[in-house]
Amino acid sequence: MNQVQSIILMIVPLMFSIILHEVSHGWVAEKLGDPTARLMGRLTLNPIPHIDLVGTILIPGILLLAHTPFLFGWAKPVPVNFGNLRGGRRDMALVALAGPVTNLLLAVLSAIVYHLTSGAGTTGVSGAVVLPIHAMAYYAVLLNLVLMVFNLLPILPLDGGRIAVGLLPESIAIPLQRTERWGMLIVLLFIVSDLWKYVVAPVIYVFLRILGMKI
């Protein structure tokens, strides 16, 4: 499998995963009282409304060119009017949690596909069809675990930060919320540094072992 094929097999599950991640936020928000995402046309699997120049194109492209051991990205955040949520801060945490939970479910489903296609032949028509599916399922597991664990970091505007603001006492949540103005800078520094090796990678390895994936 050449490099171009590998990139395609990574980009497809990455796009699908980050789009479903965002759609799940909007879907849960609507169930909890806020229809903003649906009214703005964001509860759709059409990738166009979800594309973010930095998160969907530039960051994944830079990581691919730099041959980093992981691929990461994000879609344009689905709009949520937290004032419409019936449960206040608790519902805000549930909306935020929907994204990582979706990525976990996608990782589990992809692991099942990976194991089901593990014994397929490598030649002929079946090999030409099954091998790409097998490889894409592996990448889908890894990418969804990266998205899940990374987004659970307690840094705003990541989902982990929203969950923390929603669950922590106001005396801690309010100062944490004020850090959002520097959040993306912190996230980008985290990505380009080696911190992910000590924070994100070990958790991903645990989930890979649980799912029976080769490391």
N, C-alpha and C. Protein backbone atom coordinates (compact mmCIF):
# COMPACT_ATOMS: atom_id res chain seq x y z
N MET A 1 0.85 -1.19 0.00
CA MET A 1 0.00 0.00 0.00
C MET A 1 0.89 1.25 0.00
N ASN A 2 0.72 2.12 -1.01
CA ASN A 2 1.58 3.28 -1.09
C ASN A 2 1.09 4.40 -0.16
N GLN A 3 1.88 5.49 -0.10
CA GLN A 3 1.59 6.57 0.84
C GLN A 3 0.26 7.26 0.53
N VAL A 4 -0.02 7.47 -0.75
CA VAL A 4 -1.26 8.13 -1.15
C VAL A 4 -2.47 7.32 -0.70
N GLN A 5 -2.42 6.01 -0.90
CA GLN A 5 -3.51 5.13 -0.46
C GLN A 5 -3.69 5.18 1.05
N SER A 6 -2.56 5.19 1.77
CA SER A 6 -2.63 5.24 3.24
C SER A 6 -3.28 6.53 3.71
N ILE A 7 -2.92 7.65 3.05
CA ILE A 7 -3.48 8.95 3.42
C ILE A 7 -4.99 8.97 3.19
N ILE A 8 -5.43 8.42 2.06
CA ILE A 8 -6.86 8.37 1.75
C ILE A 8 -7.59 7.52 2.79
N LEU A 9 -6.99 6.39 3.15
CA LEU A 9 -7.62 5.50 4.12
C LEU A 9 -7.66 6.10 5.52
N MET A 10 -6.81 7.11 5.78
CA MET A 10 -6.86 7.81 7.06
C MET A 10 -7.81 9.00 7.01
N ILE A 11 -7.80 9.73 5.89
CA ILE A 11 -8.60 10.94 5.78
C ILE A 11 -10.09 10.63 5.82
N VAL A 12 -10.51 9.55 5.16
CA VAL A 12 -11.95 9.22 5.11
C VAL A 12 -12.52 8.97 6.51
N PRO A 13 -11.93 8.07 7.32
CA PRO A 13 -12.49 7.89 8.67
C PRO A 13 -12.32 9.11 9.57
N LEU A 14 -11.26 9.90 9.34
CA LEU A 14 -11.08 11.11 10.14
C LEU A 14 -12.21 12.09 9.90
N MET A 15 -12.52 12.35 8.62
CA MET A 15 -13.61 13.27 8.27
C MET A 15 -14.93 12.76 8.84
N PHE A 16 -15.21 11.49 8.64
CA PHE A 16 -16.46 10.90 9.11
C PHE A 16 -16.56 11.00 10.63
N SER A 17 -15.46 10.76 11.31
CA SER A 17 -15.46 10.74 12.78
C SER A 17 -15.66 12.13 13.37
N ILE A 18 -14.97 13.14 12.82
CA ILE A 18 -15.11 14.48 13.39
C ILE A 18 -16.48 15.08 13.06
N ILE A 19 -17.04 14.71 11.91
CA ILE A 19 -18.38 15.20 11.57
C ILE A 19 -19.42 14.58 12.50
N LEU A 20 -19.36 13.26 12.71
CA LEU A 20 -20.30 12.62 13.63
C LEU A 20 -20.11 13.13 15.06
N HIS A 21 -18.87 13.44 15.41
CA HIS A 21 -18.58 14.02 16.73
C HIS A 21 -19.37 15.31 16.91
N GLU A 22 -19.33 16.18 15.91
CA GLU A 22 -20.03 17.47 16.02
C GLU A 22 -21.55 17.30 15.93
N VAL A 23 -22.00 16.45 15.02
CA VAL A 23 -23.44 16.23 14.88
C VAL A 23 -24.03 15.70 16.19
N SER A 24 -23.28 14.85 16.87
CA SER A 24 -23.79 14.30 18.13
C SER A 24 -24.01 15.39 19.17
N HIS A 25 -23.14 16.42 19.19
CA HIS A 25 -23.35 17.55 20.09
C HIS A 25 -24.69 18.21 19.82
N GLY A 26 -24.95 18.50 18.54
CA GLY A 26 -26.19 19.16 18.16
C GLY A 26 -27.41 18.30 18.42
N TRP A 27 -27.28 16.99 18.18
CA TRP A 27 -28.40 16.07 18.38
C TRP A 27 -28.79 16.00 19.85
N VAL A 28 -27.79 15.86 20.73
CA VAL A 28 -28.07 15.81 22.17
C VAL A 28 -28.60 17.14 22.66
N ALA A 29 -28.04 18.25 22.14
CA ALA A 29 -28.53 19.57 22.53
C ALA A 29 -30.01 19.73 22.20
N GLU A 30 -30.41 19.24 21.02
CA GLU A 30 -31.82 19.35 20.65
C GLU A 30 -32.70 18.51 21.58
N LYS A 31 -32.23 17.32 21.94
CA LYS A 31 -33.00 16.48 22.85
C LYS A 31 -33.15 17.15 24.22
N LEU A 32 -32.19 18.03 24.56
CA LEU A 32 -32.22 18.69 25.87
C LEU A 32 -32.81 20.10 25.80
N GLY A 33 -33.35 20.47 24.63
CA GLY A 33 -34.09 21.72 24.55
C GLY A 33 -33.57 22.78 23.61
N ASP A 34 -32.41 22.56 22.97
CA ASP A 34 -31.86 23.60 22.08
C ASP A 34 -31.82 23.13 20.63
N PRO A 35 -32.67 23.69 19.75
CA PRO A 35 -32.72 23.27 18.34
C PRO A 35 -31.79 24.06 17.42
N THR A 36 -30.86 24.84 18.00
CA THR A 36 -30.04 25.76 17.20
C THR A 36 -29.31 25.04 16.07
N ALA A 37 -28.68 23.91 16.37
CA ALA A 37 -27.90 23.19 15.35
C ALA A 37 -28.79 22.76 14.18
N ARG A 38 -29.97 22.25 14.48
CA ARG A 38 -30.88 21.83 13.39
C ARG A 38 -31.34 23.04 12.59
N LEU A 39 -31.68 24.12 13.26
CA LEU A 39 -32.17 25.31 12.56
C LEU A 39 -31.10 25.94 11.67
N MET A 40 -29.83 25.72 12.01
CA MET A 40 -28.73 26.25 11.21
C MET A 40 -28.18 25.23 10.22
N GLY A 41 -28.88 24.11 10.05
CA GLY A 41 -28.50 23.12 9.06
C GLY A 41 -27.26 22.32 9.38
N ARG A 42 -26.95 22.16 10.67
CA ARG A 42 -25.73 21.46 11.05
C ARG A 42 -25.95 20.02 11.49
N LEU A 43 -27.20 19.57 11.55
CA LEU A 43 -27.45 18.15 11.86
C LEU A 43 -27.48 17.37 10.55
N THR A 44 -26.35 17.36 9.87
CA THR A 44 -26.23 16.71 8.57
C THR A 44 -24.87 16.05 8.45
N LEU A 45 -24.82 14.96 7.66
CA LEU A 45 -23.54 14.28 7.41
C LEU A 45 -22.83 14.88 6.20
N ASN A 46 -23.44 15.86 5.55
CA ASN A 46 -22.78 16.58 4.47
C ASN A 46 -21.57 17.30 5.04
N PRO A 47 -20.36 16.99 4.56
CA PRO A 47 -19.16 17.58 5.19
C PRO A 47 -19.01 19.08 4.98
N ILE A 48 -19.60 19.64 3.95
CA ILE A 48 -19.37 21.06 3.62
C ILE A 48 -19.68 22.00 4.78
N PRO A 49 -20.86 21.92 5.43
CA PRO A 49 -21.14 22.86 6.52
C PRO A 49 -20.23 22.70 7.74
N HIS A 50 -19.54 21.56 7.82
CA HIS A 50 -18.74 21.27 9.01
C HIS A 50 -17.26 21.60 8.84
N ILE A 51 -16.82 21.88 7.62
CA ILE A 51 -15.39 22.05 7.37
C ILE A 51 -14.86 23.32 8.05
N ASP A 52 -13.79 23.15 8.81
CA ASP A 52 -13.08 24.26 9.45
C ASP A 52 -11.69 24.34 8.80
N LEU A 53 -11.32 25.52 8.32
CA LEU A 53 -10.07 25.67 7.58
C LEU A 53 -8.87 25.15 8.38
N VAL A 54 -8.81 25.51 9.65
CA VAL A 54 -7.67 25.11 10.48
C VAL A 54 -7.80 23.65 10.91
N GLY A 55 -8.93 23.31 11.54
CA GLY A 55 -9.06 21.99 12.15
C GLY A 55 -9.28 20.85 11.19
N THR A 56 -9.95 21.13 10.05
CA THR A 56 -10.28 20.05 9.11
C THR A 56 -9.28 19.92 7.99
N ILE A 57 -8.55 21.00 7.70
CA ILE A 57 -7.64 20.98 6.55
C ILE A 57 -6.17 21.20 6.97
N LEU A 58 -5.89 22.35 7.62
CA LEU A 58 -4.50 22.71 7.89
C LEU A 58 -3.83 21.78 8.91
N ILE A 59 -4.46 21.57 10.06
CA ILE A 59 -3.83 20.75 11.11
C ILE A 59 -3.62 19.31 10.66
N PRO A 60 -4.65 18.62 10.11
CA PRO A 60 -4.39 17.26 9.61
C PRO A 60 -3.34 17.22 8.52
N GLY A 61 -3.35 18.24 7.63
CA GLY A 61 -2.36 18.30 6.55
C GLY A 61 -0.95 18.44 7.09
N ILE A 62 -0.77 19.32 8.07
CA ILE A 62 0.56 19.52 8.67
C ILE A 62 1.03 18.25 9.38
N LEU A 63 0.12 17.60 10.11
CA LEU A 63 0.49 16.37 10.82
C LEU A 63 0.87 15.26 9.84
N LEU A 64 0.15 15.19 8.71
CA LEU A 64 0.49 14.18 7.69
C LEU A 64 1.86 14.46 7.08
N LEU A 65 2.11 15.71 6.73
CA LEU A 65 3.39 16.07 6.13
C LEU A 65 4.56 15.88 7.10
N ALA A 66 4.27 16.08 8.39
CA ALA A 66 5.32 15.93 9.40
C ALA A 66 5.52 14.48 9.83
N HIS A 67 4.69 13.57 9.27
CA HIS A 67 4.78 12.14 9.58
C HIS A 67 4.69 11.89 11.09
N THR A 68 3.79 12.61 11.76
CA THR A 68 3.59 12.39 13.19
C THR A 68 2.93 11.03 13.40
N PRO A 69 3.13 10.43 14.58
CA PRO A 69 2.57 9.10 14.83
C PRO A 69 1.07 9.11 15.09
N PHE A 70 0.43 10.27 15.03
CA PHE A 70 -1.01 10.32 15.19
C PHE A 70 -1.57 11.42 14.31
N LEU A 71 -2.86 11.31 14.01
CA LEU A 71 -3.55 12.30 13.18
C LEU A 71 -4.70 12.85 13.99
N PHE A 72 -4.87 14.16 13.93
CA PHE A 72 -5.89 14.82 14.74
C PHE A 72 -6.50 15.96 13.94
N GLY A 73 -7.75 16.27 14.25
CA GLY A 73 -8.41 17.39 13.60
C GLY A 73 -9.74 17.67 14.25
N TRP A 74 -10.42 18.69 13.76
CA TRP A 74 -11.74 19.00 14.29
C TRP A 74 -12.56 19.69 13.22
N ALA A 75 -13.86 19.61 13.38
CA ALA A 75 -14.77 20.28 12.47
C ALA A 75 -15.22 21.60 13.07
N LYS A 76 -15.91 22.41 12.28
CA LYS A 76 -16.46 23.66 12.79
C LYS A 76 -17.44 23.33 13.91
N PRO A 77 -17.27 23.94 15.09
CA PRO A 77 -18.15 23.59 16.21
C PRO A 77 -19.62 23.79 15.88
N VAL A 78 -20.43 22.81 16.27
CA VAL A 78 -21.88 22.93 16.09
C VAL A 78 -22.40 23.98 17.08
N PRO A 79 -23.20 24.94 16.61
CA PRO A 79 -23.69 25.99 17.52
C PRO A 79 -24.69 25.44 18.53
N VAL A 80 -24.45 25.78 19.79
CA VAL A 80 -25.36 25.38 20.86
C VAL A 80 -25.65 26.60 21.72
N ASN A 81 -26.91 26.91 21.92
CA ASN A 81 -27.32 27.98 22.81
C ASN A 81 -27.58 27.37 24.18
N PHE A 82 -26.58 27.47 25.05
CA PHE A 82 -26.68 26.81 26.35
C PHE A 82 -27.84 27.36 27.18
N GLY A 83 -28.28 28.58 26.87
CA GLY A 83 -29.41 29.16 27.59
C GLY A 83 -30.71 28.42 27.33
N ASN A 84 -30.78 27.68 26.23
CA ASN A 84 -31.99 26.92 25.90
C ASN A 84 -32.04 25.56 26.58
N LEU A 85 -30.93 25.11 27.12
CA LEU A 85 -30.88 23.78 27.73
C LEU A 85 -31.66 23.77 29.03
N ARG A 86 -32.50 22.77 29.17
CA ARG A 86 -33.39 22.73 30.34
C ARG A 86 -32.64 22.49 31.64
N GLY A 87 -31.53 21.77 31.56
CA GLY A 87 -30.82 21.40 32.79
C GLY A 87 -29.63 22.26 33.12
N GLY A 88 -29.47 23.41 32.48
CA GLY A 88 -28.38 24.32 32.81
C GLY A 88 -27.00 23.72 32.57
N ARG A 89 -26.13 23.91 33.55
CA ARG A 89 -24.73 23.46 33.41
C ARG A 89 -24.63 21.94 33.28
N ARG A 90 -25.54 21.21 33.94
CA ARG A 90 -25.51 19.75 33.82
C ARG A 90 -25.73 19.33 32.38
N ASP A 91 -26.70 19.95 31.71
CA ASP A 91 -26.96 19.61 30.31
C ASP A 91 -25.82 20.04 29.41
N MET A 92 -25.14 21.14 29.75
CA MET A 92 -23.98 21.56 28.98
C MET A 92 -22.90 20.47 29.02
N ALA A 93 -22.73 19.85 30.18
CA ALA A 93 -21.76 18.76 30.31
C ALA A 93 -22.19 17.56 29.47
N LEU A 94 -23.49 17.26 29.45
CA LEU A 94 -23.99 16.13 28.66
C LEU A 94 -23.80 16.37 27.16
N VAL A 95 -24.04 17.60 26.72
CA VAL A 95 -23.83 17.95 25.31
C VAL A 95 -22.36 17.77 24.94
N ALA A 96 -21.48 18.23 25.82
CA ALA A 96 -20.04 18.11 25.57
C ALA A 96 -19.61 16.64 25.56
N LEU A 97 -20.17 15.84 26.46
CA LEU A 97 -19.79 14.43 26.57
C LEU A 97 -20.22 13.63 25.34
N ALA A 98 -21.25 14.10 24.63
CA ALA A 98 -21.78 13.37 23.48
C ALA A 98 -20.71 13.11 22.42
N GLY A 99 -19.82 14.08 22.20
CA GLY A 99 -18.78 13.92 21.18
C GLY A 99 -17.81 12.78 21.48
N PRO A 100 -17.15 12.80 22.64
CA PRO A 100 -16.24 11.69 22.98
C PRO A 100 -16.93 10.34 23.06
N VAL A 101 -18.17 10.29 23.56
CA VAL A 101 -18.90 9.02 23.60
C VAL A 101 -19.13 8.49 22.19
N THR A 102 -19.46 9.39 21.26
CA THR A 102 -19.64 8.99 19.86
C THR A 102 -18.35 8.41 19.30
N ASN A 103 -17.22 9.04 19.60
CA ASN A 103 -15.93 8.53 19.11
C ASN A 103 -15.61 7.17 19.71
N LEU A 104 -15.97 6.95 20.98
CA LEU A 104 -15.75 5.64 21.60
C LEU A 104 -16.58 4.57 20.91
N LEU A 105 -17.85 4.87 20.64
CA LEU A 105 -18.72 3.92 19.96
C LEU A 105 -18.20 3.60 18.56
N LEU A 106 -17.73 4.63 17.86
CA LEU A 106 -17.17 4.42 16.52
C LEU A 106 -15.90 3.56 16.59
N ALA A 107 -15.09 3.77 17.63
CA ALA A 107 -13.87 2.96 17.80
C ALA A 107 -14.23 1.50 18.03
N VAL A 108 -15.24 1.25 18.86
CA VAL A 108 -15.67 -0.13 19.14
C VAL A 108 -16.21 -0.80 17.87
N LEU A 109 -17.08 -0.09 17.14
CA LEU A 109 -17.63 -0.64 15.90
C LEU A 109 -16.53 -0.90 14.88
N SER A 110 -15.57 0.02 14.79
CA SER A 110 -14.46 -0.16 13.84
C SER A 110 -13.58 -1.34 14.23
N ALA A 111 -13.40 -1.53 15.54
CA ALA A 111 -12.60 -2.68 16.01
C ALA A 111 -13.29 -3.99 15.63
N ILE A 112 -14.61 -4.02 15.71
CA ILE A 112 -15.36 -5.22 15.31
C ILE A 112 -15.13 -5.51 13.83
N VAL A 113 -15.23 -4.46 13.00
CA VAL A 113 -14.99 -4.62 11.55
C VAL A 113 -13.56 -5.10 11.31
N TYR A 114 -12.60 -4.52 12.06
CA TYR A 114 -11.20 -4.91 11.91
C TYR A 114 -11.01 -6.39 12.19
N HIS A 115 -11.59 -6.89 13.27
CA HIS A 115 -11.42 -8.30 13.63
C HIS A 115 -12.15 -9.21 12.66
N LEU A 116 -13.31 -8.78 12.19
CA LEU A 116 -14.08 -9.60 11.23
C LEU A 116 -13.35 -9.74 9.90
N THR A 117 -12.54 -8.76 9.54
CA THR A 117 -11.83 -8.79 8.25
C THR A 117 -10.39 -9.26 8.39
N SER A 118 -9.99 -9.66 9.59
CA SER A 118 -8.59 -10.04 9.82
C SER A 118 -8.20 -11.31 9.08
N GLY A 119 -9.14 -12.25 8.91
CA GLY A 119 -8.79 -13.51 8.28
C GLY A 119 -9.03 -13.56 6.80
N ALA A 120 -9.30 -12.41 6.19
CA ALA A 120 -9.61 -12.39 4.75
C ALA A 120 -8.36 -12.63 3.92
N GLY A 121 -8.56 -13.16 2.73
CA GLY A 121 -7.44 -13.38 1.81
C GLY A 121 -6.83 -12.08 1.35
N THR A 122 -5.60 -12.15 0.89
CA THR A 122 -4.88 -10.94 0.46
C THR A 122 -4.78 -10.82 -1.05
N THR A 123 -5.37 -11.77 -1.76
CA THR A 123 -5.30 -11.72 -3.23
C THR A 123 -6.69 -11.81 -3.82
N GLY A 124 -6.78 -11.51 -5.12
CA GLY A 124 -8.04 -11.62 -5.83
C GLY A 124 -8.99 -10.48 -5.51
N VAL A 125 -10.23 -10.68 -5.94
CA VAL A 125 -11.25 -9.64 -5.76
C VAL A 125 -11.52 -9.40 -4.27
N SER A 126 -11.62 -10.48 -3.50
CA SER A 126 -11.91 -10.32 -2.07
C SER A 126 -10.81 -9.52 -1.37
N GLY A 127 -9.56 -9.78 -1.75
CA GLY A 127 -8.45 -9.05 -1.15
C GLY A 127 -8.48 -7.58 -1.51
N ALA A 128 -8.85 -7.29 -2.76
CA ALA A 128 -8.89 -5.90 -3.23
C ALA A 128 -9.98 -5.10 -2.51
N VAL A 129 -11.02 -5.78 -2.05
CA VAL A 129 -12.13 -5.11 -1.36
C VAL A 129 -11.91 -5.10 0.15
N VAL A 130 -11.54 -6.27 0.68
CA VAL A 130 -11.48 -6.43 2.13
C VAL A 130 -10.26 -5.75 2.74
N LEU A 131 -9.10 -5.82 2.09
CA LEU A 131 -7.89 -5.23 2.66
C LEU A 131 -8.01 -3.74 2.92
N PRO A 132 -8.54 -2.94 1.97
CA PRO A 132 -8.73 -1.52 2.29
C PRO A 132 -9.70 -1.29 3.44
N ILE A 133 -10.76 -2.10 3.51
CA ILE A 133 -11.71 -1.98 4.62
C ILE A 133 -11.02 -2.31 5.94
N HIS A 134 -10.19 -3.35 5.92
CA HIS A 134 -9.44 -3.76 7.10
C HIS A 134 -8.51 -2.64 7.58
N ALA A 135 -7.78 -2.05 6.63
CA ALA A 135 -6.86 -0.96 6.97
C ALA A 135 -7.62 0.27 7.46
N MET A 136 -8.72 0.60 6.79
CA MET A 136 -9.50 1.77 7.18
C MET A 136 -10.11 1.57 8.57
N ALA A 137 -10.52 0.34 8.88
CA ALA A 137 -11.06 0.06 10.20
C ALA A 137 -10.00 0.26 11.28
N TYR A 138 -8.77 -0.15 10.99
CA TYR A 138 -7.68 0.05 11.95
C TYR A 138 -7.45 1.54 12.19
N TYR A 139 -7.36 2.31 11.10
CA TYR A 139 -7.16 3.75 11.24
C TYR A 139 -8.34 4.39 11.97
N ALA A 140 -9.56 3.91 11.71
CA ALA A 140 -10.75 4.47 12.35
C ALA A 140 -10.70 4.25 13.86
N VAL A 141 -10.24 3.06 14.28
CA VAL A 141 -10.10 2.80 15.72
C VAL A 141 -9.12 3.79 16.34
N LEU A 142 -7.95 3.90 15.73
CA LEU A 142 -6.91 4.76 16.28
C LEU A 142 -7.33 6.22 16.29
N LEU A 143 -7.91 6.70 15.17
CA LEU A 143 -8.31 8.10 15.07
C LEU A 143 -9.41 8.44 16.07
N ASN A 144 -10.38 7.55 16.21
CA ASN A 144 -11.48 7.83 17.14
C ASN A 144 -11.01 7.81 18.59
N LEU A 145 -10.06 6.95 18.91
CA LEU A 145 -9.50 6.97 20.26
C LEU A 145 -8.72 8.25 20.51
N VAL A 146 -7.97 8.71 19.52
CA VAL A 146 -7.24 9.98 19.65
C VAL A 146 -8.24 11.13 19.87
N LEU A 147 -9.29 11.17 19.04
CA LEU A 147 -10.29 12.22 19.17
C LEU A 147 -10.97 12.18 20.54
N MET A 148 -11.29 10.97 21.01
CA MET A 148 -11.97 10.83 22.30
C MET A 148 -11.08 11.32 23.44
N VAL A 149 -9.87 10.78 23.51
CA VAL A 149 -8.99 11.10 24.63
C VAL A 149 -8.57 12.56 24.59
N PHE A 150 -8.20 13.05 23.39
CA PHE A 150 -7.75 14.43 23.28
C PHE A 150 -8.87 15.39 23.68
N ASN A 151 -10.09 15.13 23.21
CA ASN A 151 -11.19 16.03 23.51
C ASN A 151 -11.62 15.99 24.97
N LEU A 152 -11.24 14.97 25.69
CA LEU A 152 -11.58 14.88 27.11
C LEU A 152 -10.58 15.62 28.00
N LEU A 153 -9.52 16.18 27.41
CA LEU A 153 -8.60 16.99 28.21
C LEU A 153 -9.37 18.19 28.77
N PRO A 154 -9.17 18.53 30.03
CA PRO A 154 -9.93 19.62 30.67
C PRO A 154 -9.44 21.01 30.26
N ILE A 155 -9.42 21.24 28.96
CA ILE A 155 -8.98 22.53 28.40
C ILE A 155 -10.11 23.08 27.55
N LEU A 156 -10.56 24.28 27.84
CA LEU A 156 -11.53 24.93 26.96
C LEU A 156 -10.84 25.42 25.71
N PRO A 157 -11.45 25.28 24.52
CA PRO A 157 -12.84 24.90 24.27
C PRO A 157 -13.06 23.42 24.00
N LEU A 158 -12.14 22.55 24.41
CA LEU A 158 -12.34 21.11 24.21
C LEU A 158 -13.51 20.62 25.06
N ASP A 159 -14.04 19.46 24.70
CA ASP A 159 -15.20 18.92 25.40
C ASP A 159 -14.90 18.69 26.88
N GLY A 160 -13.67 18.27 27.18
CA GLY A 160 -13.31 18.04 28.57
C GLY A 160 -13.43 19.31 29.40
N GLY A 161 -13.07 20.44 28.79
CA GLY A 161 -13.22 21.73 29.48
C GLY A 161 -14.68 22.06 29.73
N ARG A 162 -15.55 21.80 28.72
CA ARG A 162 -16.99 22.05 28.88
C ARG A 162 -17.57 21.14 29.97
N ILE A 163 -17.13 19.89 29.98
CA ILE A 163 -17.62 18.95 31.00
C ILE A 163 -17.21 19.43 32.39
N ALA A 164 -15.95 19.87 32.51
CA ALA A 164 -15.47 20.35 33.80
C ALA A 164 -16.25 21.57 34.27
N VAL A 165 -16.49 22.52 33.36
CA VAL A 165 -17.26 23.72 33.71
C VAL A 165 -18.68 23.34 34.12
N GLY A 166 -19.23 22.31 33.47
CA GLY A 166 -20.59 21.90 33.77
C GLY A 166 -20.74 21.16 35.09
N LEU A 167 -19.67 20.50 35.55
CA LEU A 167 -19.77 19.65 36.74
C LEU A 167 -19.10 20.23 37.99
N LEU A 168 -18.09 21.07 37.80
CA LEU A 168 -17.36 21.61 38.95
C LEU A 168 -18.17 22.68 39.67
N PRO A 169 -17.89 22.91 40.95
CA PRO A 169 -18.54 24.02 41.66
C PRO A 169 -18.25 25.35 40.95
N GLU A 170 -19.17 26.30 41.07
CA GLU A 170 -19.02 27.58 40.37
C GLU A 170 -17.73 28.29 40.76
N SER A 171 -17.28 28.12 42.00
CA SER A 171 -16.06 28.79 42.45
C SER A 171 -14.84 28.36 41.64
N ILE A 172 -14.89 27.16 41.06
CA ILE A 172 -13.80 26.66 40.21
C ILE A 172 -14.17 26.80 38.74
N ALA A 173 -15.44 26.56 38.41
CA ALA A 173 -15.89 26.58 37.01
C ALA A 173 -15.75 27.96 36.37
N ILE A 174 -16.06 29.02 37.12
CA ILE A 174 -16.01 30.37 36.55
C ILE A 174 -14.58 30.78 36.19
N PRO A 175 -13.59 30.60 37.09
CA PRO A 175 -12.20 30.90 36.69
C PRO A 175 -11.72 30.04 35.52
N LEU A 176 -12.15 28.77 35.50
CA LEU A 176 -11.76 27.89 34.39
C LEU A 176 -12.35 28.41 33.08
N GLN A 177 -13.57 28.88 33.12
CA GLN A 177 -14.22 29.38 31.91
C GLN A 177 -13.48 30.59 31.33
N ARG A 178 -12.85 31.38 32.21
CA ARG A 178 -12.12 32.56 31.76
C ARG A 178 -10.86 32.20 30.98
N THR A 179 -10.40 30.95 31.09
CA THR A 179 -9.18 30.55 30.38
C THR A 179 -9.45 30.23 28.92
N GLU A 180 -10.72 30.25 28.49
CA GLU A 180 -11.04 29.85 27.12
C GLU A 180 -10.38 30.74 26.08
N ARG A 181 -10.13 32.00 26.41
CA ARG A 181 -9.51 32.91 25.44
C ARG A 181 -8.12 32.43 25.02
N TRP A 182 -7.46 31.67 25.89
CA TRP A 182 -6.14 31.14 25.55
C TRP A 182 -6.20 29.65 25.18
N GLY A 183 -7.40 29.10 25.15
CA GLY A 183 -7.55 27.67 24.98
C GLY A 183 -6.94 27.11 23.71
N MET A 184 -7.22 27.72 22.56
CA MET A 184 -6.70 27.17 21.31
C MET A 184 -5.19 27.24 21.25
N LEU A 185 -4.60 28.28 21.84
CA LEU A 185 -3.14 28.38 21.89
C LEU A 185 -2.57 27.23 22.72
N ILE A 186 -3.21 26.95 23.85
CA ILE A 186 -2.77 25.83 24.70
C ILE A 186 -2.89 24.51 23.94
N VAL A 187 -4.02 24.34 23.22
CA VAL A 187 -4.23 23.11 22.45
C VAL A 187 -3.16 22.94 21.38
N LEU A 188 -2.86 24.01 20.64
CA LEU A 188 -1.86 23.93 19.57
C LEU A 188 -0.47 23.65 20.14
N LEU A 189 -0.14 24.26 21.27
CA LEU A 189 1.15 23.98 21.91
C LEU A 189 1.21 22.53 22.37
N PHE A 190 0.10 22.01 22.84
CA PHE A 190 0.03 20.61 23.27
C PHE A 190 0.27 19.67 22.10
N ILE A 191 -0.30 20.03 20.93
CA ILE A 191 -0.17 19.18 19.74
C ILE A 191 1.28 19.13 19.26
N VAL A 192 1.95 20.28 19.20
CA VAL A 192 3.30 20.34 18.64
C VAL A 192 4.38 19.93 19.65
N SER A 193 4.02 19.82 20.92
CA SER A 193 4.99 19.40 21.93
C SER A 193 4.94 17.89 22.11
N ASP A 194 5.75 17.38 23.00
CA ASP A 194 5.77 15.95 23.29
C ASP A 194 4.86 15.57 24.45
N LEU A 195 4.07 16.53 24.94
CA LEU A 195 3.22 16.25 26.09
C LEU A 195 2.22 15.13 25.82
N TRP A 196 1.77 15.04 24.54
CA TRP A 196 0.77 14.02 24.21
C TRP A 196 1.30 12.61 24.50
N LYS A 197 2.64 12.44 24.42
CA LYS A 197 3.23 11.12 24.67
C LYS A 197 3.00 10.66 26.11
N TYR A 198 2.89 11.63 27.01
CA TYR A 198 2.77 11.29 28.43
C TYR A 198 1.34 11.38 28.94
N VAL A 199 0.45 12.03 28.17
CA VAL A 199 -0.92 12.24 28.63
C VAL A 199 -1.91 11.45 27.77
N VAL A 200 -1.84 11.65 26.45
CA VAL A 200 -2.82 11.05 25.54
C VAL A 200 -2.43 9.62 25.16
N ALA A 201 -1.19 9.42 24.75
CA ALA A 201 -0.75 8.12 24.23
C ALA A 201 -0.99 6.95 25.20
N PRO A 202 -0.63 7.07 26.50
CA PRO A 202 -0.83 5.92 27.40
C PRO A 202 -2.29 5.48 27.50
N VAL A 203 -3.22 6.45 27.51
CA VAL A 203 -4.64 6.11 27.59
C VAL A 203 -5.09 5.42 26.31
N ILE A 204 -4.60 5.90 25.17
CA ILE A 204 -4.95 5.29 23.89
C ILE A 204 -4.46 3.84 23.85
N TYR A 205 -3.24 3.60 24.33
CA TYR A 205 -2.69 2.25 24.33
C TYR A 205 -3.55 1.30 25.18
N VAL A 206 -4.06 1.78 26.30
CA VAL A 206 -4.93 0.96 27.15
C VAL A 206 -6.18 0.54 26.38
N PHE A 207 -6.81 1.50 25.70
CA PHE A 207 -8.02 1.19 24.94
C PHE A 207 -7.71 0.27 23.76
N LEU A 208 -6.57 0.44 23.12
CA LEU A 208 -6.19 -0.44 22.02
C LEU A 208 -6.05 -1.88 22.49
N ARG A 209 -5.47 -2.05 23.67
CA ARG A 209 -5.32 -3.40 24.22
C ARG A 209 -6.68 -3.99 24.58
N ILE A 210 -7.57 -3.16 25.14
CA ILE A 210 -8.91 -3.64 25.48
C ILE A 210 -9.65 -4.10 24.24
N LEU A 211 -9.47 -3.36 23.14
CA LEU A 211 -10.16 -3.68 21.89
C LEU A 211 -9.44 -4.76 21.09
N GLY A 212 -8.33 -5.26 21.62
CA GLY A 212 -7.60 -6.35 20.97
C GLY A 212 -6.88 -5.92 19.70
N MET A 213 -6.46 -4.65 19.64
CA MET A 213 -5.78 -4.14 18.45
C MET A 213 -4.27 -4.31 18.60
N LYS A 214 -3.60 -4.45 17.47
CA LYS A 214 -2.15 -4.52 17.47
C LYS A 214 -1.59 -3.12 17.71
N ILE A 215 -0.57 -3.05 18.55
CA ILE A 215 0.04 -1.76 18.89
C ILE A 215 1.41 -1.65 18.23
